[in-house]
Amino acid sequence: MKILVTGATGKVGSRFVPRLLAKGHHVRILVRDAAKASALAQLGAEVVTGDLSNAETLPPAVKDMDAVIHIAAFFRSFTDNEGIIKTNHAGTVALANAAIAAGVRRFIFTSTSNVYGSGYRHPAREDDPVDIHDPRAYSSSKIAAEQELISLHKNKGLDVRVLRLGFVYGDKDPHIQEIIPLLKKMKRHSGSRMHMIHHLDVAQALILLLQTDGLNGEIFNLADDAPVTMYELADSFGQAADAFDPAEGPLTDPFEGVLDISKLRNAAGFRPLVPSYYVARDLDIL
């Protein structure tokens, strides 16, 4: 299968593309700087230069492709809301429209579990309400992109599948080490839980959505079997003593940050290869 992957040089994409290539697919990657993709090119990826914010560069990227796996996102900025929206929302819609025009058969969009709020009184499900006016630009931009993609499915026949990722880690990704120093600033409760997903299982889920028919227009949560508390995560790095407010009160919502993953299990047969953070730690695949 001929597949275009965006975000190939990022945390998720750089670990996913080699696994996709290993399965024998023809993989084209859309990058802004070809020099940063040299390692993937050596593995066999076809590199094309373009930018989600420049719609004119997208038709050559999607030409002759069977599928698009759209991983690219703008996240690591708390001030550039315009850039976040331009990339995550407008860029996604532009890529989807280019894919439709090129006759691409399947479009997979990696969204985020950050679209969920709190107060559901159960693990968050795909049909729970989300707030497109969420003040967090990253979350609202992803919600807006999801909604427009579903609209393109209904109105233009785009075979789109949306994957809402839990907190991605593993394969020497520094993601966990980066977030622990921010827990106190973010006022995270030591007893609140975070639902995680290893890079191995991100790849498994993306490939399942790529290959499984009958999932058109559907949204799926992706996480492992055992969400961990913030305390456990910080403690595993020896930083629990400084990560939380010593005067914190009781935990108000025990389900916040926890995902219901039964839909993906039932629809595509997903079963986590790495069922928990502790398994990853014991196997030395953090």
Protein backbone atom coordinates (compact mmCIF):
# COMPACT_ATOMS: atom_id res chain seq x y z
CA MET A 1 0.00 0.00 0.00
CA LYS A 2 1.17 3.54 -0.77
CA ILE A 3 0.88 5.69 2.33
CA LEU A 4 1.62 9.33 3.07
CA VAL A 5 2.63 10.03 6.68
CA THR A 6 2.82 13.53 8.14
CA GLY A 7 4.73 14.37 11.29
CA ALA A 8 7.31 11.72 10.44
CA THR A 9 10.16 13.47 12.22
CA GLY A 10 8.22 14.04 15.45
CA LYS A 11 8.02 11.85 18.54
CA VAL A 12 5.27 9.58 17.22
CA GLY A 13 6.06 9.65 13.52
CA SER A 14 9.78 8.93 13.83
CA ARG A 15 8.98 5.73 15.72
CA PHE A 16 6.00 4.74 13.58
CA VAL A 17 7.44 5.15 10.07
CA PRO A 18 10.18 2.50 10.50
CA ARG A 19 7.56 0.00 11.67
CA LEU A 20 5.37 0.82 8.68
CA LEU A 21 8.31 0.41 6.31
CA ALA A 22 9.17 -2.92 7.92
CA LYS A 23 5.75 -4.19 6.88
CA GLY A 24 6.63 -3.59 3.24
CA HIS A 25 4.52 -0.51 2.54
CA HIS A 26 5.62 2.28 0.23
CA VAL A 27 5.87 5.20 2.66
CA ARG A 28 6.03 8.81 1.58
CA ILE A 29 6.66 11.41 4.27
CA LEU A 30 5.74 15.08 4.17
CA VAL A 31 8.36 17.22 5.91
CA ARG A 32 9.28 20.88 6.04
CA ASP A 33 13.01 20.17 6.23
CA ALA A 34 14.25 17.20 4.20
CA ALA A 35 17.57 17.19 6.07
CA LYS A 36 15.78 16.17 9.27
CA ALA A 37 14.34 13.13 7.50
CA SER A 38 17.65 11.68 6.29
CA ALA A 39 17.53 8.72 8.67
CA LEU A 40 14.04 7.77 7.49
CA ALA A 41 15.09 8.22 3.87
CA GLN A 42 17.93 5.76 4.44
CA LEU A 43 15.34 3.25 5.69
CA GLY A 44 13.43 3.62 2.43
CA ALA A 45 10.94 6.43 3.02
CA GLU A 46 10.19 8.72 0.08
CA VAL A 47 10.67 12.30 1.24
CA VAL A 48 8.60 15.19 -0.11
CA THR A 49 8.95 18.76 1.09
CA GLY A 50 5.87 20.72 2.00
CA ASP A 51 3.98 22.47 4.77
CA LEU A 52 0.46 22.02 6.12
CA SER A 53 0.15 25.80 6.26
CA ASN A 54 0.82 26.03 2.50
CA ALA A 55 -2.02 24.26 0.68
CA GLU A 56 -0.21 24.46 -2.68
CA THR A 57 2.42 22.00 -1.42
CA LEU A 58 -0.10 19.31 -0.49
CA PRO A 59 -1.37 17.93 -3.84
CA PRO A 60 2.08 16.55 -4.82
CA ALA A 61 2.31 14.88 -1.41
CA VAL A 62 -1.01 13.01 -1.72
CA LYS A 63 -0.74 12.18 -5.43
CA ASP A 64 -1.06 8.43 -6.12
CA MET A 65 -1.38 7.58 -2.43
CA ASP A 66 -3.79 4.92 -1.16
CA ALA A 67 -3.95 6.34 2.36
CA VAL A 68 -2.89 9.26 4.52
CA ILE A 69 -1.86 8.88 8.16
CA HIS A 70 -1.88 12.39 9.56
CA ILE A 71 0.24 12.58 12.72
CA ALA A 72 1.69 16.09 12.47
CA ALA A 73 0.55 18.53 15.15
CA PHE A 74 1.65 21.76 16.77
CA PHE A 75 1.68 21.34 20.54
CA ARG A 76 4.80 22.54 22.31
CA SER A 77 3.76 26.17 22.57
CA PHE A 78 1.61 27.78 25.22
CA THR A 79 1.58 31.19 23.56
CA ASP A 80 1.28 30.72 19.79
CA ASN A 81 -2.44 29.94 19.62
CA GLU A 82 -2.59 31.16 16.03
CA GLY A 83 0.12 28.69 15.01
CA ILE A 84 -1.61 25.84 16.83
CA ILE A 85 -4.93 26.49 15.12
CA LYS A 86 -3.30 27.05 11.72
CA THR A 87 -1.51 23.71 11.85
CA ASN A 88 -3.89 21.46 13.75
CA HIS A 89 -7.18 22.68 12.31
CA ALA A 90 -6.70 24.53 9.03
CA GLY A 91 -3.74 22.38 7.97
CA THR A 92 -5.64 19.17 8.65
CA VAL A 93 -8.65 20.31 6.64
CA ALA A 94 -6.43 21.41 3.75
CA LEU A 95 -4.69 18.02 3.72
CA ALA A 96 -8.01 16.17 3.80
CA ASN A 97 -9.37 18.21 0.89
CA ALA A 98 -6.20 17.53 -1.11
CA ALA A 99 -6.60 13.83 -0.34
CA ILE A 100 -10.21 13.85 -1.55
CA ALA A 101 -9.21 15.61 -4.77
CA ALA A 102 -6.45 13.04 -5.34
CA GLY A 103 -8.77 10.07 -4.78
CA VAL A 104 -7.03 8.86 -1.61
CA ARG A 105 -9.07 5.98 -0.22
CA ARG A 106 -8.40 6.28 3.51
CA PHE A 107 -7.49 9.11 5.89
CA ILE A 108 -6.39 8.47 9.50
CA PHE A 109 -6.14 11.41 11.88
CA THR A 110 -4.32 11.24 15.20
CA SER A 111 -6.18 13.38 17.67
CA THR A 112 -5.77 13.53 21.45
CA SER A 113 -7.49 12.48 24.66
CA ASN A 114 -6.99 16.11 25.72
CA VAL A 115 -10.27 16.87 23.94
CA TYR A 116 -12.08 15.47 26.98
CA GLY A 117 -13.04 17.51 29.99
CA SER A 118 -14.19 16.23 33.37
CA GLY A 119 -17.40 15.32 35.12
CA TYR A 120 -18.44 12.41 32.90
CA ARG A 121 -18.72 10.11 35.95
CA HIS A 122 -17.17 7.29 33.92
CA PRO A 123 -14.09 6.72 31.74
CA ALA A 124 -14.36 9.08 28.77
CA ARG A 125 -16.14 7.60 25.77
CA GLU A 126 -16.00 8.67 22.16
CA ASP A 127 -19.58 9.96 22.24
CA ASP A 128 -19.13 12.05 25.39
CA PRO A 129 -19.48 15.81 24.83
CA VAL A 130 -16.37 17.83 24.03
CA ASP A 131 -16.08 21.62 24.01
CA ILE A 132 -14.94 23.21 20.78
CA HIS A 133 -14.57 26.46 22.75
CA ASP A 134 -12.13 24.86 25.17
CA PRO A 135 -9.70 27.63 26.20
CA ARG A 136 -6.80 25.24 25.58
CA ALA A 137 -5.97 25.99 21.95
CA TYR A 138 -4.44 22.56 21.35
CA SER A 139 -7.61 20.79 22.50
CA SER A 140 -10.05 23.07 20.69
CA SER A 141 -8.02 22.93 17.45
CA LYS A 142 -8.13 19.13 17.51
CA ILE A 143 -11.88 19.12 18.20
CA ALA A 144 -12.47 21.51 15.31
CA ALA A 145 -10.37 19.34 12.99
CA GLU A 146 -12.23 16.19 14.05
CA GLN A 147 -15.59 17.79 13.40
CA GLU A 148 -14.64 19.02 9.94
CA LEU A 149 -13.21 15.63 9.01
CA ILE A 150 -16.43 13.91 10.07
CA SER A 151 -18.33 16.48 8.00
CA LEU A 152 -16.14 15.66 4.97
CA HIS A 153 -16.94 12.00 5.54
CA LYS A 154 -20.68 12.70 5.53
CA ASN A 155 -20.70 15.19 2.68
CA LYS A 156 -17.85 14.10 0.42
CA GLY A 157 -17.37 10.43 1.25
CA LEU A 158 -13.96 10.76 2.93
CA ASP A 159 -13.12 7.44 4.60
CA VAL A 160 -11.74 9.00 7.77
CA ARG A 161 -10.84 7.36 11.08
CA VAL A 162 -9.96 9.47 14.13
CA LEU A 163 -7.67 8.10 16.84
CA ARG A 164 -7.64 9.95 20.17
CA LEU A 165 -4.29 9.14 21.73
CA GLY A 166 -3.60 8.85 25.42
CA PHE A 167 -0.25 10.05 26.76
CA VAL A 168 2.32 8.53 24.39
CA TYR A 169 5.59 7.18 25.81
CA GLY A 170 8.29 4.54 25.33
CA ASP A 171 11.07 3.82 22.84
CA LYS A 172 13.33 6.35 24.66
CA ASP A 173 10.80 9.12 24.11
CA PRO A 174 11.54 11.90 26.68
CA HIS A 175 7.82 12.73 26.96
CA ILE A 176 7.48 11.57 30.59
CA GLN A 177 10.62 13.33 31.80
CA GLU A 178 9.38 16.52 30.13
CA ILE A 179 5.99 16.54 31.83
CA ILE A 180 6.94 15.67 35.42
CA PRO A 181 8.52 19.09 36.17
CA LEU A 182 5.27 20.70 34.94
CA LEU A 183 2.89 18.78 37.21
CA LYS A 184 3.02 21.26 40.07
CA LYS A 185 2.68 24.24 37.73
CA MET A 186 -0.33 22.54 36.12
CA LYS A 187 -1.79 21.91 39.60
CA ARG A 188 -2.20 18.21 38.95
CA HIS A 189 -3.42 16.22 41.92
CA SER A 190 -1.14 13.40 43.06
CA GLY A 191 -4.06 10.99 42.95
CA SER A 192 -5.29 11.95 39.49
CA ARG A 193 -4.71 9.37 36.81
CA MET A 194 -3.25 9.54 33.34
CA HIS A 195 -4.05 7.01 30.67
CA MET A 196 -0.95 6.17 28.68
CA ILE A 197 -0.09 4.31 25.48
CA HIS A 198 3.26 2.91 24.35
CA HIS A 199 4.64 3.70 20.90
CA LEU A 200 4.38 0.00 20.03
CA ASP A 201 0.63 0.18 20.55
CA VAL A 202 0.24 3.48 18.72
CA ALA A 203 1.75 1.71 15.71
CA GLN A 204 -0.47 -1.33 16.23
CA ALA A 205 -3.62 0.80 16.37
CA LEU A 206 -2.72 2.92 13.34
CA ILE A 207 -2.06 -0.19 11.27
CA LEU A 208 -5.33 -1.73 12.42
CA LEU A 209 -7.22 1.39 11.33
CA LEU A 210 -5.32 1.36 8.06
CA GLN A 211 -6.21 -2.23 7.25
CA THR A 212 -9.68 -2.72 8.76
CA ASP A 213 -12.71 -2.04 6.58
CA GLY A 214 -16.01 -0.69 7.85
CA LEU A 215 -14.68 1.92 10.27
CA ASN A 216 -15.50 4.93 8.10
CA GLY A 217 -16.33 8.12 9.98
CA GLU A 218 -15.57 6.64 13.40
CA ILE A 219 -13.65 8.02 16.39
CA PHE A 220 -11.64 5.74 18.68
CA ASN A 221 -9.88 6.18 22.01
CA LEU A 222 -6.43 4.63 22.34
CA ALA A 223 -4.86 3.80 25.69
CA ASP A 224 -3.48 0.83 27.62
CA ASP A 225 -5.23 -1.29 30.25
CA ALA A 226 -4.00 0.45 33.40
CA PRO A 227 -3.95 4.24 33.89
CA VAL A 228 -1.39 5.33 36.49
CA THR A 229 -1.61 8.04 39.12
CA MET A 230 0.50 11.13 38.80
CA TYR A 231 2.15 10.19 42.07
CA GLU A 232 3.23 6.78 40.75
CA LEU A 233 4.62 8.35 37.59
CA ALA A 234 6.60 11.02 39.44
CA ASP A 235 7.73 8.53 42.08
CA SER A 236 9.12 6.18 39.45
CA PHE A 237 11.57 8.98 38.57
CA GLY A 238 12.23 9.90 42.20
CA GLN A 239 10.45 13.24 41.90
CA ALA A 240 7.20 12.70 43.82
CA ALA A 241 8.29 14.85 46.79
CA ASP A 242 8.48 18.03 44.68
CA ALA A 243 5.83 17.41 42.01
CA PHE A 244 2.66 18.25 43.96
CA ASP A 245 1.21 20.89 46.25
CA PRO A 246 1.59 19.60 49.83
CA ALA A 247 -1.68 21.33 50.72
CA GLU A 248 -3.73 19.67 47.98
CA GLY A 249 -7.26 18.68 48.91
CA PRO A 250 -9.18 15.52 48.03
CA LEU A 251 -9.40 14.30 44.45
CA THR A 252 -12.66 15.59 43.00
CA ASP A 253 -13.00 13.51 39.82
CA PRO A 254 -11.49 10.00 39.89
CA PHE A 255 -12.38 9.44 36.23
CA GLU A 256 -10.70 12.53 34.79
CA GLY A 257 -7.91 11.43 32.43
CA VAL A 258 -9.21 7.88 32.10
CA LEU A 259 -10.40 6.53 28.74
CA ASP A 260 -12.86 3.83 27.75
CA ILE A 261 -11.05 1.80 25.06
CA SER A 262 -13.73 -0.85 24.52
CA LYS A 263 -14.78 0.55 21.13
CA LEU A 264 -11.38 -0.03 19.49
CA ARG A 265 -11.13 -3.46 21.12
CA ASN A 266 -14.52 -4.50 19.79
CA ALA A 267 -14.34 -2.91 16.33
CA ALA A 268 -10.74 -3.70 15.36
CA GLY A 269 -9.54 -6.36 17.79
CA PHE A 270 -7.05 -4.06 19.52
CA ARG A 271 -5.23 -5.56 22.50
CA PRO A 272 -2.32 -3.63 24.06
CA LEU A 273 1.07 -5.24 23.49
CA VAL A 274 2.25 -3.15 26.46
CA PRO A 275 -0.70 -3.25 28.87
CA SER A 276 0.74 -0.88 31.47
CA TYR A 277 3.51 1.56 32.26
CA TYR A 278 4.92 -0.91 34.78
CA VAL A 279 5.19 -3.61 32.11
CA ALA A 280 7.15 -1.19 29.91
CA ARG A 281 9.43 -0.34 32.81
CA ASP A 282 10.05 -4.00 33.68
CA LEU A 283 10.78 -4.83 30.04
CA ASP A 284 13.14 -1.84 29.79
CA ILE A 285 11.25 -0.31 26.85
CA LEU A 286 10.58 3.11 28.34
